[in-house]
């Protein structure tokens, strides 16, 4: 069977072909994102494989269905870029990779916290220029700091475990309590209490209508002065303009982003030879206390290998008529039900 793969990078092709040794699918690799204009490229492909910034809206899905596609395989956890109702109407089955390596995202989250706290990124640049001054590089001990974890699915649990090892005090928010997090001594609270008492806030929840711009001006106003904010989940959880104002006022003392609301026009591409047009993003890059990575939290050999293998297993199960546990259907989801997909590749 022929599978059209969109948003293909070198590593996608490598790991999909390795996973395909025992499957023998025929791949058609395409560099562009999937959208209403590129969907025609998948003509004649029963299955289409997409990534986090591809657009599977109703118009795109209609084009796919009209040209023979009946299966949409996401090689990521999040599915906010898919119109599930339209897919169901068009009889297109949607599958995803819900857990590829929660450790990869959790470890990247901790790396961002430590880098911002101890100013590793600034120190690195200074030393390369022969500047060994310590002025402006002072950090703080992690022990006894209060960290608020928003979303306590698989990634949130691992982040909590690591922070517990540092001796941090943990606050948590989710629709339903996770016993694994409670066993670490974390206290579940409502968001206003978490905002008001956390020295560090880390986001590990999915993007849905209820969480869109979860971090906005009102939320920031409730936070401690100088709070550290980390997002390795979905860009639109944060209102970037509100966060910029928070940085300028000093309310936000540190900001770590692996995702960005309008990242589809930026991330995963080499734009070093162009002029970036996103003024909000450019403004964020001017702050010395902001650390941005290009949606790489998931990016480990273990994770990418697991993504490829699970993606092809999903396709095989659907083709064989076997019930696929990773199928996604159009139905309401609560934060707790979906919080295991707390970060991209998710």
Protein backbone atom coordinates (compact mmCIF):
# COMPACT_ATOMS: atom_id res chain seq x y z
CA UNK A 1 0.00 0.00 0.00
CA UNK A 2 1.17 3.52 -0.79
CA UNK A 3 1.57 6.00 2.06
CA UNK A 4 2.02 9.74 1.44
CA UNK A 5 4.29 11.31 4.07
CA UNK A 6 4.12 15.09 4.45
CA UNK A 7 6.54 17.48 6.18
CA UNK A 8 9.31 14.97 5.58
CA UNK A 9 12.75 15.60 7.03
CA UNK A 10 15.85 13.44 6.63
CA UNK A 11 15.32 11.83 10.03
CA UNK A 12 11.66 11.04 9.24
CA UNK A 13 12.65 9.17 6.11
CA UNK A 14 15.47 7.33 7.90
CA UNK A 15 13.41 6.02 10.80
CA UNK A 16 10.28 5.27 8.77
CA UNK A 17 12.32 3.21 6.32
CA UNK A 18 13.94 1.30 9.18
CA UNK A 19 10.53 0.60 10.72
CA UNK A 20 9.24 -0.42 7.29
CA UNK A 21 11.66 -3.32 6.87
CA UNK A 22 9.07 -5.77 8.18
CA UNK A 23 6.05 -3.89 6.80
CA UNK A 24 6.92 -3.22 3.15
CA UNK A 25 4.80 -0.12 2.57
CA UNK A 26 5.49 2.11 -0.42
CA UNK A 27 6.27 5.63 0.74
CA UNK A 28 5.83 8.86 -1.20
CA UNK A 29 7.83 11.46 0.73
CA UNK A 30 6.86 15.12 0.39
CA UNK A 31 8.74 18.07 1.89
CA UNK A 32 5.80 20.53 2.06
CA UNK A 33 3.25 20.68 4.84
CA UNK A 34 -0.12 19.11 4.15
CA UNK A 35 -2.78 21.75 3.53
CA UNK A 36 -5.62 22.45 1.12
CA UNK A 37 -3.14 23.31 -1.65
CA UNK A 38 -0.81 20.32 -1.28
CA UNK A 39 -3.41 17.64 -0.53
CA UNK A 40 -3.61 16.75 -4.22
CA UNK A 41 -0.06 15.35 -3.97
CA UNK A 42 -1.52 12.39 -2.05
CA UNK A 43 -3.81 11.33 -4.90
CA UNK A 44 -3.92 7.55 -5.09
CA UNK A 45 -2.53 7.05 -1.57
CA UNK A 46 -4.94 5.20 0.75
CA UNK A 47 -2.95 6.44 3.77
CA UNK A 48 -1.50 9.85 4.52
CA UNK A 49 1.04 10.46 7.29
CA UNK A 50 1.31 13.95 8.79
CA UNK A 51 3.12 15.84 11.51
CA UNK A 52 2.28 18.49 14.08
CA UNK A 53 2.16 21.58 11.84
CA UNK A 54 0.29 20.01 8.92
CA UNK A 55 -3.26 21.26 8.35
CA UNK A 56 -5.98 18.64 8.11
CA UNK A 57 -9.00 20.93 8.04
CA UNK A 58 -12.30 20.07 6.36
CA UNK A 59 -11.26 21.36 2.93
CA UNK A 60 -7.99 19.43 2.99
CA UNK A 61 -9.72 16.24 4.15
CA UNK A 62 -12.31 16.55 1.40
CA UNK A 63 -9.53 16.65 -1.20
CA UNK A 64 -7.83 13.63 0.37
CA UNK A 65 -11.04 11.62 0.50
CA UNK A 66 -11.94 12.49 -3.09
CA UNK A 67 -8.58 11.11 -4.21
CA UNK A 68 -8.74 7.81 -2.38
CA UNK A 69 -7.41 8.46 1.13
CA UNK A 70 -9.23 6.68 3.96
CA UNK A 71 -6.57 6.74 6.69
CA UNK A 72 -4.80 9.69 8.30
CA UNK A 73 -1.83 8.64 10.43
CA UNK A 74 -0.37 11.30 12.70
CA UNK A 75 3.24 10.72 13.67
CA UNK A 76 2.66 12.86 16.75
CA UNK A 77 0.53 12.87 19.86
CA UNK A 78 -1.51 16.04 19.45
CA UNK A 79 -4.39 16.15 16.98
CA UNK A 80 -5.68 19.72 17.33
CA UNK A 81 -4.71 20.26 13.67
CA UNK A 82 -7.27 17.69 12.46
CA UNK A 83 -10.97 18.35 11.94
CA UNK A 84 -12.17 15.11 13.49
CA UNK A 85 -15.83 15.73 12.71
CA UNK A 86 -15.03 16.24 9.03
CA UNK A 87 -12.85 13.12 9.06
CA UNK A 88 -15.67 11.03 10.50
CA UNK A 89 -18.12 12.39 7.94
CA UNK A 90 -15.71 11.49 5.14
CA UNK A 91 -15.03 8.03 6.61
CA UNK A 92 -11.34 8.83 7.17
CA UNK A 93 -9.88 6.96 10.12
CA UNK A 94 -7.48 9.03 12.24
CA UNK A 95 -4.72 7.47 14.35
CA UNK A 96 -1.93 9.03 16.40
CA UNK A 97 1.13 8.26 18.51
CA UNK A 98 0.03 9.03 22.08
CA UNK A 99 3.23 8.05 23.89
CA UNK A 100 6.52 7.96 22.04
CA UNK A 101 8.94 8.93 24.80
CA UNK A 102 7.56 11.07 27.60
CA UNK A 103 11.07 11.07 29.04
CA UNK A 104 12.38 13.09 26.09
CA UNK A 105 9.98 15.99 26.64
CA UNK A 106 10.28 15.85 30.42
CA UNK A 107 14.08 15.93 30.29
CA UNK A 108 14.04 18.86 27.85
CA UNK A 109 11.72 20.71 30.22
CA UNK A 110 14.19 20.27 33.07
CA UNK A 111 17.07 21.29 30.79
CA UNK A 112 15.28 24.56 30.00
CA UNK A 113 14.63 25.26 33.68
CA UNK A 114 18.27 24.68 34.62
CA UNK A 115 19.60 26.61 31.64
CA UNK A 116 17.47 29.66 32.41
CA UNK A 117 18.15 29.50 36.14
CA UNK A 118 21.93 29.18 35.87
CA UNK A 119 22.17 31.35 32.73
CA UNK A 120 23.99 28.59 30.81
CA UNK A 121 23.07 30.09 27.44
CA UNK A 122 24.49 33.48 28.40
CA UNK A 123 27.60 32.02 30.02
CA UNK A 124 28.32 29.93 26.93
CA UNK A 125 28.36 32.99 24.69
CA UNK A 126 30.43 35.02 27.15
CA UNK A 127 33.17 32.43 27.47
CA UNK A 128 33.45 32.10 23.70
CA UNK A 129 34.18 35.83 23.62
CA UNK A 130 36.74 35.61 26.42
CA UNK A 131 34.42 37.18 28.99
CA UNK A 132 34.61 35.30 32.30
CA UNK A 133 32.73 37.81 34.41
CA UNK A 134 30.02 36.36 36.67
CA UNK A 135 27.96 39.54 36.75
CA UNK A 136 24.37 38.80 35.80
CA UNK A 137 24.79 35.03 35.97
CA UNK A 138 23.55 34.38 39.50
CA UNK A 139 20.89 31.66 39.80
CA UNK A 140 19.05 30.05 42.69
CA UNK A 141 18.99 26.65 44.39
CA UNK A 142 16.18 24.44 43.12
CA UNK A 143 15.71 22.85 46.55
CA UNK A 144 12.59 24.11 48.37
CA UNK A 145 11.39 26.08 45.33
CA UNK A 146 7.71 25.62 44.50
CA UNK A 147 6.97 24.32 41.01
CA UNK A 148 3.47 24.32 39.54
CA UNK A 149 2.77 21.50 37.08
CA UNK A 150 -0.25 22.11 34.83
CA UNK A 151 -1.29 18.78 33.28
CA UNK A 152 -0.26 15.62 35.09
CA UNK A 153 -0.28 12.99 32.38
CA UNK A 154 2.77 10.90 31.51
CA UNK A 155 5.07 13.84 30.84
CA UNK A 156 3.85 15.80 33.84
CA UNK A 157 4.50 12.79 36.07
CA UNK A 158 8.11 12.42 34.91
CA UNK A 159 8.77 16.15 35.29
CA UNK A 160 7.38 15.91 38.82
CA UNK A 161 9.59 12.93 39.62
CA UNK A 162 12.74 14.73 38.49
CA UNK A 163 11.83 17.90 40.38
CA UNK A 164 11.09 15.85 43.48
CA UNK A 165 14.66 14.59 43.25
CA UNK A 166 15.84 18.22 43.33
CA UNK A 167 13.88 18.73 46.55
CA UNK A 168 11.24 20.99 45.02
CA UNK A 169 7.79 21.53 46.48
CA UNK A 170 5.15 20.50 43.94
CA UNK A 171 1.76 21.99 43.15
CA UNK A 172 -0.38 20.37 40.46
CA UNK A 173 -3.46 21.12 38.42
CA UNK A 174 -5.54 18.74 36.31
CA UNK A 175 -9.19 17.85 36.00
CA UNK A 176 -8.54 14.53 37.74
CA UNK A 177 -5.82 13.76 40.23
CA UNK A 178 -3.05 11.37 39.25
CA UNK A 179 -2.10 9.02 42.14
CA UNK A 180 1.49 8.87 40.84
CA UNK A 181 1.84 12.61 41.31
CA UNK A 182 0.16 12.58 44.69
CA UNK A 183 2.57 9.83 45.79
CA UNK A 184 5.39 12.30 45.21
CA UNK A 185 3.85 14.66 47.74
CA UNK A 186 2.37 17.04 45.19
CA UNK A 187 -0.64 19.06 46.25
CA UNK A 188 -3.48 19.48 43.75
CA UNK A 189 -4.84 23.01 43.75
CA UNK A 190 -6.92 25.26 41.54
CA UNK A 191 -5.13 27.44 39.00
CA UNK A 192 -5.31 30.73 40.95
CA UNK A 193 -3.54 29.11 43.91
CA UNK A 194 -0.97 27.49 41.65
CA UNK A 195 -0.29 30.79 39.89
CA UNK A 196 0.03 32.71 43.16
CA UNK A 197 2.42 30.31 44.89
CA UNK A 198 4.69 28.86 42.19
CA UNK A 199 8.24 30.03 41.60
CA UNK A 200 8.27 27.98 38.38
CA UNK A 201 5.27 27.01 36.23
CA UNK A 202 5.54 24.26 33.62
CA UNK A 203 2.82 23.45 31.10
CA UNK A 204 2.11 19.82 30.16
CA UNK A 205 -1.45 19.85 28.87
CA UNK A 206 -3.05 19.51 25.43
CA UNK A 207 -4.43 22.32 23.33
CA UNK A 208 -8.20 22.43 23.19
CA UNK A 209 -10.78 25.22 23.47
CA UNK A 210 -10.62 25.12 27.28
CA UNK A 211 -6.83 25.55 27.35
CA UNK A 212 -6.37 28.02 24.48
CA UNK A 213 -4.46 31.01 25.90
CA UNK A 214 -4.54 29.44 29.34
CA UNK A 215 -1.68 31.81 30.13
CA UNK A 216 -3.06 35.27 29.42
CA UNK A 217 -2.93 38.70 31.03
CA UNK A 218 -5.31 37.71 33.84
CA UNK A 219 -3.32 34.57 34.64
CA UNK A 220 -0.01 36.44 34.59
CA UNK A 221 -1.40 39.07 36.96
CA UNK A 222 -2.02 36.31 39.52
CA UNK A 223 1.56 34.99 39.37
CA UNK A 224 4.48 35.71 41.67
CA UNK A 225 6.75 38.56 40.57
CA UNK A 226 9.71 37.09 38.68
CA UNK A 227 8.06 33.71 38.00
CA UNK A 228 9.70 31.28 35.57
CA UNK A 229 7.32 30.01 32.87
CA UNK A 230 8.08 26.93 30.75
CA UNK A 231 6.04 25.60 27.83
CA UNK A 232 6.98 22.36 26.05
CA UNK A 233 3.39 21.46 25.15
CA UNK A 234 1.46 23.56 22.64
CA UNK A 235 2.23 27.10 21.57
CA UNK A 236 -1.31 28.42 21.79
CA UNK A 237 -1.52 27.61 25.51
CA UNK A 238 0.25 30.95 25.87
CA UNK A 239 -0.81 34.36 24.65
CA UNK A 240 2.57 35.52 23.35
CA UNK A 241 1.68 39.22 23.41
CA UNK A 242 0.57 39.00 27.04
CA UNK A 243 3.76 37.16 27.96
CA UNK A 244 5.83 39.82 26.22
CA UNK A 245 4.15 42.46 28.37
CA UNK A 246 4.84 40.31 31.42
CA UNK A 247 8.52 40.12 30.53
CA UNK A 248 8.77 43.87 30.03
CA UNK A 249 7.14 44.57 33.40
CA UNK A 250 9.32 42.03 35.21
CA UNK A 251 6.33 39.96 36.30
CA UNK A 252 7.79 37.08 34.29
CA UNK A 253 11.43 36.66 35.26
CA UNK A 254 12.31 33.80 32.90
CA UNK A 255 10.56 32.26 29.91
CA UNK A 256 11.36 28.93 28.24
CA UNK A 257 9.53 27.99 25.04
CA UNK A 258 9.91 24.91 22.89
CA UNK A 259 6.65 25.73 21.13
CA UNK A 260 5.14 28.91 19.75
CA UNK A 261 1.60 29.79 18.72
CA UNK A 262 2.51 30.62 15.13
CA UNK A 263 5.39 28.18 14.82
CA UNK A 264 4.08 26.55 11.65
CA UNK A 265 5.65 29.39 9.64
CA UNK A 266 8.95 29.09 11.50
CA UNK A 267 9.90 25.84 13.14
CA UNK A 268 11.53 22.84 11.43
CA UNK A 269 12.91 25.07 8.67
CA UNK A 270 16.23 26.86 8.10
CA UNK A 271 15.27 30.53 7.89
CA UNK A 272 18.76 31.87 8.59
CA UNK A 273 18.93 33.46 5.15
CA UNK A 274 15.57 35.20 5.36
CA UNK A 275 13.96 38.07 7.26
CA UNK A 276 11.48 36.68 9.79
CA UNK A 277 8.22 38.61 9.55
CA UNK A 278 6.71 37.62 12.91
CA UNK A 279 7.23 40.72 15.05
CA UNK A 280 6.01 39.07 18.26
CA UNK A 281 8.48 36.22 17.90
CA UNK A 282 11.31 38.61 17.08
CA UNK A 283 10.48 40.66 20.17
CA UNK A 284 10.70 37.56 22.34
CA UNK A 285 14.17 36.77 21.01
CA UNK A 286 15.48 40.14 22.24
CA UNK A 287 15.03 39.30 25.93
CA UNK A 288 18.13 37.90 27.64
CA UNK A 289 15.92 35.92 30.03
CA UNK A 290 14.05 34.08 27.27
CA UNK A 291 15.18 30.71 25.93
CA UNK A 292 13.52 29.39 22.77
CA UNK A 293 14.12 26.03 21.11
CA UNK A 294 12.47 25.04 17.84
CA UNK A 295 10.06 22.30 18.94
CA UNK A 296 12.86 19.87 19.70
CA UNK A 297 11.78 18.55 23.11
CA UNK A 298 10.65 15.28 21.52
CA UNK A 299 13.76 14.95 19.39
CA UNK A 300 15.72 11.95 20.63
CA UNK A 301 16.68 8.79 18.76
CA UNK A 302 14.45 6.79 21.09
CA UNK A 303 11.43 9.00 20.51
CA UNK A 304 11.71 9.28 16.73
CA UNK A 305 12.22 5.53 16.43
CA UNK A 306 9.15 4.87 18.60
CA UNK A 307 7.13 7.33 16.53
CA UNK A 308 7.98 5.58 13.26
CA UNK A 309 7.29 2.10 14.63
CA UNK A 310 3.99 3.06 16.26
CA UNK A 311 2.85 4.96 13.17
CA UNK A 312 3.32 1.93 10.93
CA UNK A 313 1.77 -0.40 13.51
CA UNK A 314 -1.28 1.88 13.61
CA UNK A 315 -1.58 1.75 9.82
CA UNK A 316 -1.27 -2.04 9.78
CA UNK A 317 -3.90 -2.52 12.47
CA UNK A 318 -6.41 -0.33 10.65
CA UNK A 319 -5.77 -2.10 7.34
CA UNK A 320 -6.20 -5.50 8.97
CA UNK A 321 -9.45 -4.43 10.58
CA UNK A 322 -8.00 -4.81 14.06
CA UNK A 323 -9.22 -2.41 16.73
CA UNK A 324 -6.52 0.25 17.01
CA UNK A 325 -6.11 1.64 20.50
CA UNK A 326 -4.56 4.79 19.04
CA UNK A 327 -7.55 5.74 16.90
CA UNK A 328 -8.86 9.24 17.54
CA UNK A 329 -12.57 9.96 17.25
CA UNK A 330 -14.60 13.14 17.35
CA UNK A 331 -15.80 13.29 20.92
CA UNK A 332 -15.40 15.73 23.79
CA UNK A 333 -12.20 15.33 25.82
CA UNK A 334 -11.43 16.58 29.29
CA UNK A 335 -8.02 17.89 30.29
CA UNK A 336 -7.36 14.77 32.32
CA UNK A 337 -8.44 12.41 29.53
CA UNK A 338 -6.01 14.02 27.11
CA UNK A 339 -3.23 15.16 29.37
CA UNK A 340 -1.12 12.14 28.45
CA UNK A 341 -0.56 13.85 25.11
CA UNK A 342 0.88 16.82 26.87
CA UNK A 343 3.54 17.75 24.38
CA UNK A 344 4.30 17.62 20.87
CA UNK A 345 5.67 15.84 18.86
CA UNK A 346 2.96 16.34 20.11
